[in-house]
Protein backbone atom coordinates (compact mmCIF):
# COMPACT_ATOMS: atom_id res chain seq x y z
CA MET A 1 0.00 0.00 0.00
CA GLU A 2 1.20 3.48 -0.85
CA LEU A 3 1.75 5.74 2.15
CA LEU A 4 2.21 9.50 2.07
CA ILE A 5 3.70 11.29 5.07
CA LYS A 6 3.08 14.99 4.53
CA ASN A 7 3.66 18.36 6.20
CA ILE A 8 6.86 17.25 7.91
CA VAL A 9 10.31 18.62 8.62
CA ILE A 10 12.90 16.02 7.62
CA VAL A 11 16.12 15.94 9.66
CA ASN A 12 18.68 14.23 7.45
CA GLU A 13 22.29 14.54 6.27
CA GLY A 14 23.02 17.76 8.14
CA LYS A 15 19.91 19.62 7.05
CA GLN A 16 16.28 20.30 7.94
CA LYS A 17 13.87 20.30 5.03
CA ASN A 18 10.11 20.84 4.65
CA ALA A 19 8.96 17.92 2.51
CA SER A 20 6.75 14.86 2.20
CA LEU A 21 7.63 11.19 1.81
CA LEU A 22 5.98 8.71 -0.53
CA ILE A 23 6.48 5.11 0.54
CA LYS A 24 5.92 2.09 -1.68
CA GLN A 25 6.73 -1.58 -1.05
CA GLY A 26 8.50 -0.77 2.20
CA LYS A 27 10.91 1.76 0.74
CA ILE A 28 11.10 5.51 0.26
CA SER A 29 9.86 5.96 -3.29
CA LYS A 30 10.02 9.74 -3.49
CA ILE A 31 11.00 12.73 -1.38
CA LEU A 32 8.45 15.34 -2.42
CA SER A 33 8.42 19.11 -2.20
CA PRO A 34 5.25 20.66 -0.75
CA GLU A 35 4.15 21.48 -4.31
CA GLU A 36 4.66 17.92 -5.57
CA GLU A 37 2.79 16.46 -2.62
CA ASN A 38 -0.53 17.84 -3.93
CA LYS A 39 -0.23 15.69 -7.07
CA VAL A 40 -0.04 12.40 -5.10
CA ASN A 41 -3.12 10.30 -4.34
CA ALA A 42 -1.86 7.80 -1.79
CA LYS A 43 -4.19 5.23 -0.24
CA GLN A 44 -2.88 5.99 3.24
CA ILE A 45 -1.80 9.38 4.61
CA ILE A 46 -0.10 10.54 7.79
CA ASP A 47 -0.45 14.27 8.31
CA GLY A 48 2.72 15.11 10.20
CA LYS A 49 2.00 18.79 10.68
CA GLY A 50 4.27 20.17 13.38
CA LYS A 51 6.37 17.00 13.51
CA TYR A 52 10.00 16.24 12.68
CA VAL A 53 11.01 13.03 10.90
CA PHE A 54 14.33 11.28 11.51
CA PRO A 55 15.70 8.09 9.97
CA GLY A 56 14.93 5.21 12.32
CA ILE A 57 17.41 5.07 15.20
CA ILE A 58 20.04 2.31 14.94
CA ASP A 59 21.24 1.04 18.33
CA ASP A 60 24.49 -0.85 17.95
CA GLN A 61 24.57 -2.30 21.48
CA VAL A 62 21.70 -3.94 23.35
CA HIS A 63 21.15 -6.95 25.60
CA PHE A 64 17.66 -8.37 25.09
CA ARG A 65 18.38 -11.40 27.32
CA GLU A 66 16.98 -14.13 25.09
CA PRO A 67 17.61 -17.04 25.28
CA GLY A 68 18.10 -18.04 28.88
CA LEU A 69 17.49 -14.85 30.85
CA THR A 70 13.92 -14.10 29.86
CA HIS A 71 12.80 -13.31 33.41
CA LYS A 72 14.64 -10.00 32.83
CA ALA A 73 13.64 -9.29 29.22
CA ASP A 74 13.07 -10.94 25.86
CA ILE A 75 13.28 -10.08 22.18
CA TYR A 76 9.58 -9.28 21.88
CA THR A 77 9.23 -7.01 24.93
CA GLU A 78 12.44 -5.08 24.41
CA SER A 79 12.02 -4.64 20.65
CA LYS A 80 8.55 -3.28 21.41
CA ALA A 81 10.02 -0.80 23.91
CA ALA A 82 12.66 0.11 21.32
CA ILE A 83 10.02 0.79 18.67
CA ALA A 84 8.17 3.11 21.07
CA GLY A 85 11.45 4.96 21.52
CA GLY A 86 12.09 5.36 17.78
CA ILE A 87 14.69 2.57 17.46
CA THR A 88 14.03 0.62 14.26
CA SER A 89 17.19 -1.51 14.15
CA TYR A 90 19.37 -3.02 16.87
CA MET A 91 22.47 -5.16 17.28
CA GLU A 92 22.29 -7.56 20.21
CA MET A 93 25.03 -8.99 22.37
CA PRO A 94 26.13 -12.63 22.79
CA ASN A 95 26.20 -13.02 26.60
CA THR A 96 22.90 -14.88 26.83
CA ILE A 97 22.40 -18.46 28.06
CA PRO A 98 23.76 -20.27 26.16
CA GLN A 99 26.29 -17.74 24.95
CA THR A 100 26.36 -17.07 21.23
CA THR A 101 29.84 -18.45 20.63
CA ASN A 102 29.27 -20.89 17.78
CA GLN A 103 27.52 -20.71 14.43
CA GLN A 104 24.63 -23.00 15.39
CA LEU A 105 23.66 -20.88 18.40
CA LEU A 106 23.92 -17.72 16.31
CA SER A 107 21.59 -19.20 13.70
CA GLU A 108 19.07 -20.14 16.40
CA LYS A 109 19.09 -16.59 17.71
CA PHE A 110 18.35 -15.18 14.26
CA ASP A 111 15.45 -17.63 13.96
CA LEU A 112 14.04 -16.43 17.29
CA ALA A 113 14.21 -12.78 16.25
CA SER A 114 12.53 -13.42 12.90
CA GLN A 115 9.50 -14.72 14.82
CA LYS A 116 9.43 -12.19 17.67
CA SER A 117 11.20 -8.90 16.89
CA LEU A 118 9.18 -5.82 15.93
CA ALA A 119 12.40 -4.02 14.95
CA ASN A 120 15.12 -4.97 12.47
CA PHE A 121 17.96 -6.93 14.02
CA SER A 122 21.44 -8.33 13.92
CA PHE A 123 23.47 -10.26 16.48
CA TYR A 124 27.11 -10.15 17.49
CA PHE A 125 29.13 -13.32 17.57
CA GLY A 126 30.84 -13.81 20.94
CA ALA A 127 34.59 -14.30 21.14
CA THR A 128 36.26 -16.57 23.70
CA ASN A 129 39.83 -17.67 24.29
CA ASP A 130 39.30 -20.77 22.15
CA ASN A 131 36.73 -20.23 19.37
CA LEU A 132 38.78 -18.57 16.64
CA ASP A 133 37.80 -21.28 14.12
CA GLU A 134 34.13 -20.38 14.64
CA ILE A 135 34.87 -16.66 14.27
CA LYS A 136 36.55 -17.28 10.92
CA LYS A 137 33.32 -18.87 9.61
CA ILE A 138 31.34 -15.62 9.99
CA ASN A 139 29.74 -14.31 6.80
CA PRO A 140 30.52 -10.55 6.76
CA LYS A 141 27.35 -9.79 4.80
CA GLU A 142 25.10 -11.35 7.46
CA VAL A 143 26.59 -10.58 10.90
CA CYS A 144 27.23 -7.15 12.44
CA GLY A 145 30.43 -8.01 14.27
CA VAL A 146 32.40 -9.94 16.87
CA LYS A 147 32.08 -8.94 20.51
CA VAL A 148 35.25 -9.16 22.59
CA PHE A 149 35.04 -8.70 26.36
CA MET A 150 38.41 -7.26 27.37
CA GLY A 151 37.06 -6.95 30.91
CA SER A 152 34.98 -9.04 33.29
CA SER A 153 31.94 -10.67 31.75
CA THR A 154 29.53 -13.55 32.01
CA GLY A 155 30.96 -17.06 32.10
CA ASN A 156 33.91 -17.82 29.84
CA MET A 157 33.61 -14.76 27.60
CA LEU A 158 36.50 -12.79 29.10
CA VAL A 159 39.23 -12.93 26.45
CA ASP A 160 42.36 -12.67 28.59
CA ASP A 161 44.74 -14.93 26.68
CA LYS A 162 47.15 -12.63 24.85
CA LYS A 163 47.73 -15.04 21.97
CA ALA A 164 44.00 -15.59 21.50
CA LEU A 165 43.34 -11.86 21.57
CA ALA A 166 46.03 -11.18 19.00
CA ALA A 167 44.68 -13.94 16.74
CA ILE A 168 41.15 -12.49 16.88
CA PHE A 169 42.42 -9.05 15.86
CA ALA A 170 44.52 -10.60 13.12
CA GLU A 171 41.89 -12.89 11.63
CA SER A 172 38.36 -11.69 12.37
CA PRO A 173 36.48 -11.26 9.07
CA VAL A 174 34.21 -8.57 10.59
CA LEU A 175 34.32 -5.52 12.81
CA ILE A 176 35.54 -6.19 16.36
CA ALA A 177 33.47 -4.49 19.07
CA THR A 178 35.18 -4.33 22.45
CA HIS A 179 34.20 -3.89 26.07
CA CYS A 180 37.37 -2.30 27.43
CA GLU A 181 38.11 -2.51 31.16
CA ASP A 182 41.33 -3.99 32.51
CA GLU A 183 40.54 -6.94 34.78
CA THR A 184 43.74 -6.75 36.86
CA THR A 185 43.21 -3.08 37.67
CA ILE A 186 39.60 -3.73 38.69
CA LYS A 187 40.53 -6.67 40.94
CA ASN A 188 43.20 -4.60 42.67
CA ASN A 189 40.73 -1.77 43.23
CA ILE A 190 38.10 -4.15 44.61
CA GLN A 191 40.58 -5.50 47.13
CA LYS A 192 41.56 -1.98 48.17
CA PHE A 193 37.97 -0.97 48.90
CA LYS A 194 37.13 -4.31 50.54
CA ASN A 195 40.03 -3.73 52.91
CA GLU A 196 38.39 -0.45 53.91
CA PHE A 197 34.67 -1.31 53.84
CA GLY A 198 34.44 -5.10 53.77
CA GLU A 199 31.48 -6.31 51.69
CA ASN A 200 29.55 -3.06 52.22
CA VAL A 201 31.31 -0.79 49.74
CA PRO A 202 29.16 2.31 49.07
CA ILE A 203 27.91 2.60 45.48
CA GLN A 204 29.63 5.97 44.97
CA TYR A 205 32.98 4.13 44.84
CA HIS A 206 31.95 2.21 41.72
CA PRO A 207 33.74 4.67 39.35
CA MET A 208 36.89 4.36 41.48
CA ILE A 209 36.78 0.57 41.31
CA ARG A 210 36.04 0.46 37.59
CA SER A 211 38.33 3.41 37.18
CA GLU A 212 39.66 5.67 34.46
CA GLU A 213 42.90 3.68 34.62
CA ALA A 214 41.03 0.39 34.06
CA CYS A 215 39.28 1.80 31.01
CA TYR A 216 42.29 3.53 29.46
CA THR A 217 44.62 0.56 29.98
CA SER A 218 42.23 -1.74 28.12
CA SER A 219 41.18 0.73 25.40
CA SER A 220 44.79 1.58 24.59
CA LEU A 221 45.58 -2.15 24.25
CA ALA A 222 42.64 -2.58 21.85
CA VAL A 223 43.85 0.35 19.76
CA GLU A 224 47.40 -1.02 19.77
CA LEU A 225 46.19 -4.42 18.52
CA ALA A 226 43.95 -2.85 15.87
CA GLN A 227 46.83 -0.79 14.55
CA LYS A 228 49.23 -3.72 14.61
CA TYR A 229 46.92 -6.07 12.71
CA ASN A 230 45.03 -3.45 10.66
CA ALA A 231 41.81 -4.68 12.26
CA ARG A 232 38.46 -2.89 12.18
CA LEU A 233 37.87 -1.87 15.81
CA HIS A 234 34.78 -0.30 17.41
CA ILE A 235 35.22 0.61 21.11
CA LEU A 236 31.93 0.35 22.95
CA HIS A 237 30.55 2.58 25.73
CA LEU A 238 33.40 5.01 26.37
CA SER A 239 33.14 6.45 29.88
CA THR A 240 36.20 8.68 30.28
CA ALA A 241 37.42 11.86 28.64
CA LYS A 242 40.96 10.49 28.74
CA GLU A 243 40.14 7.77 26.21
CA LEU A 244 39.48 10.44 23.59
CA GLU A 245 43.27 10.75 23.29
CA LEU A 246 43.22 7.40 21.50
CA LEU A 247 40.79 8.51 18.78
CA ASP A 248 41.05 10.40 15.51
CA ASN A 249 38.69 13.07 14.15
CA SER A 250 40.70 14.11 11.10
CA ILE A 251 38.69 11.88 8.74
CA LEU A 252 35.05 10.91 8.28
CA SER A 253 33.69 8.19 10.54
CA LYS A 254 33.04 5.83 7.62
CA GLU A 255 36.71 6.09 6.63
CA LYS A 256 38.08 5.28 10.08
CA ASN A 257 39.54 1.92 11.02
CA ILE A 258 39.03 2.67 14.72
CA THR A 259 35.68 4.09 15.85
CA ALA A 260 33.99 4.58 19.20
CA GLU A 261 30.59 4.71 20.85
CA VAL A 262 29.20 6.59 23.83
CA CYS A 263 26.03 5.54 25.63
CA VAL A 264 23.21 7.83 26.68
CA HIS A 265 23.74 7.24 30.40
CA HIS A 266 27.35 8.42 30.19
CA LEU A 267 26.13 11.64 28.54
CA TRP A 268 23.33 12.17 31.07
CA PHE A 269 24.47 11.14 34.56
CA SER A 270 27.62 11.83 36.60
CA ASP A 271 29.10 10.48 39.83
CA LEU A 272 27.07 13.11 41.70
CA ASP A 273 23.95 11.10 40.84
CA TYR A 274 24.91 7.94 42.75
CA GLN A 275 23.67 9.37 46.04
CA LYS A 276 20.15 9.81 44.63
CA ASN A 277 19.96 6.88 42.20
CA GLY A 278 22.13 4.24 43.85
CA THR A 279 22.37 0.94 41.98
CA ARG A 280 19.81 2.13 39.41
CA ILE A 281 22.76 3.74 37.61
CA LYS A 282 25.29 1.00 38.22
CA TRP A 283 26.73 0.21 34.79
CA ASN A 284 29.98 -1.24 33.52
CA PRO A 285 31.92 0.82 32.61
CA ALA A 286 30.91 3.08 35.46
CA ILE A 287 29.38 6.52 35.18
CA LYS A 288 32.21 8.82 36.15
CA THR A 289 32.79 12.55 36.77
CA ILE A 290 31.11 15.66 35.38
CA LYS A 291 34.39 16.34 33.58
CA ASP A 292 34.13 12.94 31.90
CA ARG A 293 30.46 13.44 31.01
CA ASP A 294 31.10 16.84 29.46
CA GLY A 295 34.25 15.63 27.73
CA LEU A 296 32.36 12.74 26.14
CA LEU A 297 29.70 15.12 24.81
CA GLN A 298 32.41 17.32 23.35
CA GLY A 299 34.09 14.24 21.83
CA LEU A 300 30.78 13.34 20.22
CA LYS A 301 30.35 16.81 18.77
CA ASN A 302 33.92 17.04 17.42
CA ASN A 303 33.68 13.56 15.83
CA LYS A 304 36.19 11.73 17.99
CA ILE A 305 33.20 9.64 19.09
CA ASP A 306 31.10 8.29 16.24
CA VAL A 307 27.95 6.68 17.66
CA VAL A 308 25.39 7.12 20.45
CA ALA A 309 23.86 3.86 21.72
CA THR A 310 22.28 2.44 24.88
CA ASP A 311 23.95 -0.75 26.14
CA HIS A 312 20.35 -1.57 27.11
CA ALA A 313 20.84 -4.28 29.75
CA PRO A 314 17.75 -4.87 31.92
CA HIS A 315 17.66 -6.69 35.24
CA THR A 316 14.69 -7.16 37.51
CA TRP A 317 14.30 -4.58 40.23
CA LYS A 318 14.70 -7.34 42.83
CA GLU A 319 18.14 -8.02 41.36
CA LYS A 320 19.13 -4.34 41.18
CA ASP A 321 17.83 -3.38 44.63
CA ASN A 322 20.82 -4.85 46.38
CA SER A 323 24.14 -4.02 48.00
CA TYR A 324 27.03 -2.92 45.79
CA PHE A 325 28.60 -6.30 45.07
CA LYS A 326 25.27 -8.13 44.76
CA ALA A 327 23.55 -5.66 42.41
CA PRO A 328 24.23 -6.48 38.74
CA SER A 329 25.39 -3.77 36.35
CA GLY A 330 23.15 -2.51 33.57
CA GLY A 331 19.74 -0.99 33.05
CA PRO A 332 16.93 -0.50 30.50
CA LEU A 333 17.24 2.43 28.07
CA VAL A 334 15.87 1.75 24.56
CA GLN A 335 12.48 3.38 25.15
CA HIS A 336 14.07 6.65 26.25
CA SER A 337 17.48 7.01 24.55
CA PHE A 338 16.32 9.09 21.57
CA ILE A 339 14.06 11.21 23.76
CA ALA A 340 16.92 11.80 26.22
CA MET A 341 19.13 13.01 23.38
CA LEU A 342 16.32 15.32 22.24
CA GLU A 343 16.23 16.66 25.80
CA LEU A 344 19.92 17.56 25.41
CA TYR A 345 18.84 19.39 22.25
CA HIS A 346 16.29 21.35 24.29
CA GLN A 347 19.14 22.17 26.69
CA GLN A 348 21.07 23.52 23.67
CA LYS A 349 23.87 20.98 24.09
CA ILE A 350 23.48 19.25 20.72
CA SER A 351 21.66 19.89 17.44
CA LEU A 352 18.97 17.81 15.78
CA GLU A 353 21.29 17.26 12.85
CA GLU A 354 24.03 15.94 15.16
CA ILE A 355 21.56 13.55 16.79
CA ALA A 356 20.55 12.18 13.38
CA ASP A 357 24.20 11.79 12.44
CA LYS A 358 25.27 9.93 15.59
CA MET A 359 22.18 7.77 16.08
CA CYS A 360 21.22 7.04 12.46
CA HIS A 361 23.75 7.91 9.75
CA THR A 362 27.04 6.92 11.36
CA PRO A 363 25.95 3.54 12.75
CA ALA A 364 24.78 2.66 9.25
CA ASP A 365 28.05 3.90 7.76
CA ILE A 366 30.55 2.21 10.04
CA PHE A 367 28.71 -1.13 10.11
CA GLN A 368 28.03 -0.81 6.35
CA ILE A 369 24.33 -1.55 6.77
CA ASP A 370 22.51 -1.93 3.46
CA LYS A 371 19.98 0.84 2.61
CA ARG A 372 19.26 2.07 6.13
CA GLY A 373 20.22 5.00 8.36
CA TYR A 374 19.28 7.75 5.90
CA ILE A 375 16.16 9.26 4.39
CA ARG A 376 16.98 8.59 0.73
CA GLU A 377 14.96 7.41 -2.23
CA GLY A 378 15.36 3.65 -2.59
CA TYR A 379 16.21 3.14 1.09
CA TRP A 380 14.05 1.16 3.48
CA ALA A 381 11.40 3.35 5.10
CA ASP A 382 12.65 3.10 8.68
CA LEU A 383 11.38 6.38 10.12
CA VAL A 384 10.51 8.03 13.41
CA LEU A 385 8.16 11.00 13.78
CA VAL A 386 8.61 13.15 16.85
CA ASP A 387 6.75 16.07 18.38
CA LEU A 388 9.32 18.38 19.90
CA ASN A 389 6.72 20.22 21.98
CA THR A 390 4.88 17.54 23.94
CA HIS A 391 5.70 17.27 27.64
CA TRP A 392 5.44 13.97 29.48
CA THR A 393 6.92 12.27 32.52
CA VAL A 394 8.44 8.77 32.67
CA GLN A 395 6.38 6.69 35.08
CA GLU A 396 6.02 3.00 35.81
CA ASN A 397 2.63 2.89 34.05
CA ASN A 398 4.12 4.04 30.73
CA LEU A 399 7.16 1.74 30.78
CA LEU A 400 7.27 -1.07 28.21
CA TYR A 401 10.35 -2.85 29.53
CA LYS A 402 9.67 -6.29 30.93
CA CYS A 403 11.56 -5.33 34.09
CA LYS A 404 9.16 -2.37 34.64
CA TRP A 405 11.65 0.16 35.98
CA SER A 406 13.83 2.88 34.45
CA PRO A 407 16.67 5.13 35.59
CA PHE A 408 14.61 7.95 34.03
CA GLU A 409 11.51 7.45 36.22
CA GLY A 410 10.23 10.86 37.31
CA GLN A 411 12.06 12.64 34.48
CA LEU A 412 10.09 15.25 32.55
CA PHE A 413 10.79 15.13 28.81
CA HIS A 414 9.78 17.81 26.32
CA SER A 415 9.59 15.65 23.17
CA LYS A 416 7.59 12.56 22.30
CA VAL A 417 7.77 9.88 19.61
CA THR A 418 4.40 9.74 17.83
CA HIS A 419 5.01 7.25 14.99
CA THR A 420 7.62 4.62 14.18
CA LEU A 421 7.82 2.94 10.77
CA VAL A 422 9.81 -0.23 10.13
CA ASN A 423 10.28 -1.29 6.51
CA GLY A 424 7.41 1.02 5.54
CA ASN A 425 5.00 -0.46 8.08
CA ILE A 426 3.49 1.79 10.76
CA VAL A 427 4.41 -0.31 13.79
CA PHE A 428 3.81 2.39 16.42
CA GLU A 429 1.25 5.20 16.21
CA GLU A 430 0.23 7.48 19.07
CA GLY A 431 0.73 4.81 21.72
CA SER A 432 -0.72 1.86 19.76
CA PHE A 433 1.18 -0.98 18.10
CA ASN A 434 0.63 -2.95 14.93
CA GLU A 435 2.41 -6.25 15.49
CA ASN A 436 1.36 -8.00 12.28
CA LYS A 437 4.69 -7.39 10.58
CA LYS A 438 8.01 -8.39 12.12
CA GLY A 439 11.39 -6.73 11.60
CA MET A 440 13.99 -7.91 9.10
CA ARG A 441 17.51 -9.24 9.49
CA LEU A 442 20.00 -6.48 8.70
CA GLU A 443 22.24 -6.97 5.67
CA PHE A 444 25.71 -5.51 5.27
CA ASN A 445 27.54 -4.18 2.20
CA ARG A 446 30.82 -5.98 2.79
CA SER A 447 33.02 -8.20 0.69
């Protein structure tokens, strides 16, 4: 069915433009001027008067917990929350149960998503100290990347064997995405604080345990390996301003061999927020100082950092509402990440065009996603319509996460997602969902 979205302001490729969009067979058929729009007789029309349209948000780092941890979340619930937040495509992590560390388990995960996911999807392959042969079997056109935990992680996924790590950087056929925290530094810091506080370490010491030194030591090793083996490296969830020293902004993101991501929580919170929020904002890497938060935003704006994502990692509130060592790290974010970035726009800290670049264009560029991330004729119609002048407050009764809590509860936002389209289908409209169509597996333009 033909769909016309009219009377909109398109935010795309560094510009804002008054236009309309004609959608046919799931793709953007024509970008129309206001004059051309009057000549179109579409069977379905969305009047977007007063609304801004962005390409669908692409989140390159989420944990949807399926299989094996579905008491926390699952592909259906979290993709639904993502859709409500304007995220139309996601890349999910391998530390599920079982862990996605061989080709058969990866294939099973794709099958699950094809049946359950409302958004488009891809899955990372998990690296271990001993699965290089499986990594080498990855088809670059079908898988977003390899995830390497260079810091503590679930089960056997910490890659701490130097020979194995070097071999992965030398031979991976796809982008290597790294969690960078040095395990030795963290263990030494834990012992130091246990000597002082025993098992009752206050939460505000989390950024001193998972410290700047732990992050920089690991990130610098990843960069060193990438440079040595000419590997394609993407450093996930930067949390310190110091790590920006390792990154280049002299070339376009899509031309870089080493890119980096920052997550919304590291742009929003600081260590001053632990007293109020406690373990709600316990993440790995830790939220650090105001200087780090502001430095990361500046690194995003000056193109040292390439992508904004979530590291959406839900736990039940029973799990989170615990003492420091017992509370797991991570929290739910996909429903509110785009809206939180728009709030930074309202605070005059970032432009709409920069948000589109870092949440839509650049993820598509650096992962080489086929025909997504831009509003262009011939591209898939993954779109999000937003009202920049609707005020609402995050409350438990409007949360879609399976875990039913959010670090943003009580936060007043000044923008609201009104429509989300996935592959030309209106999946979310003014609070209602159409779940008849499922998302598609992402494809990649790689040799």
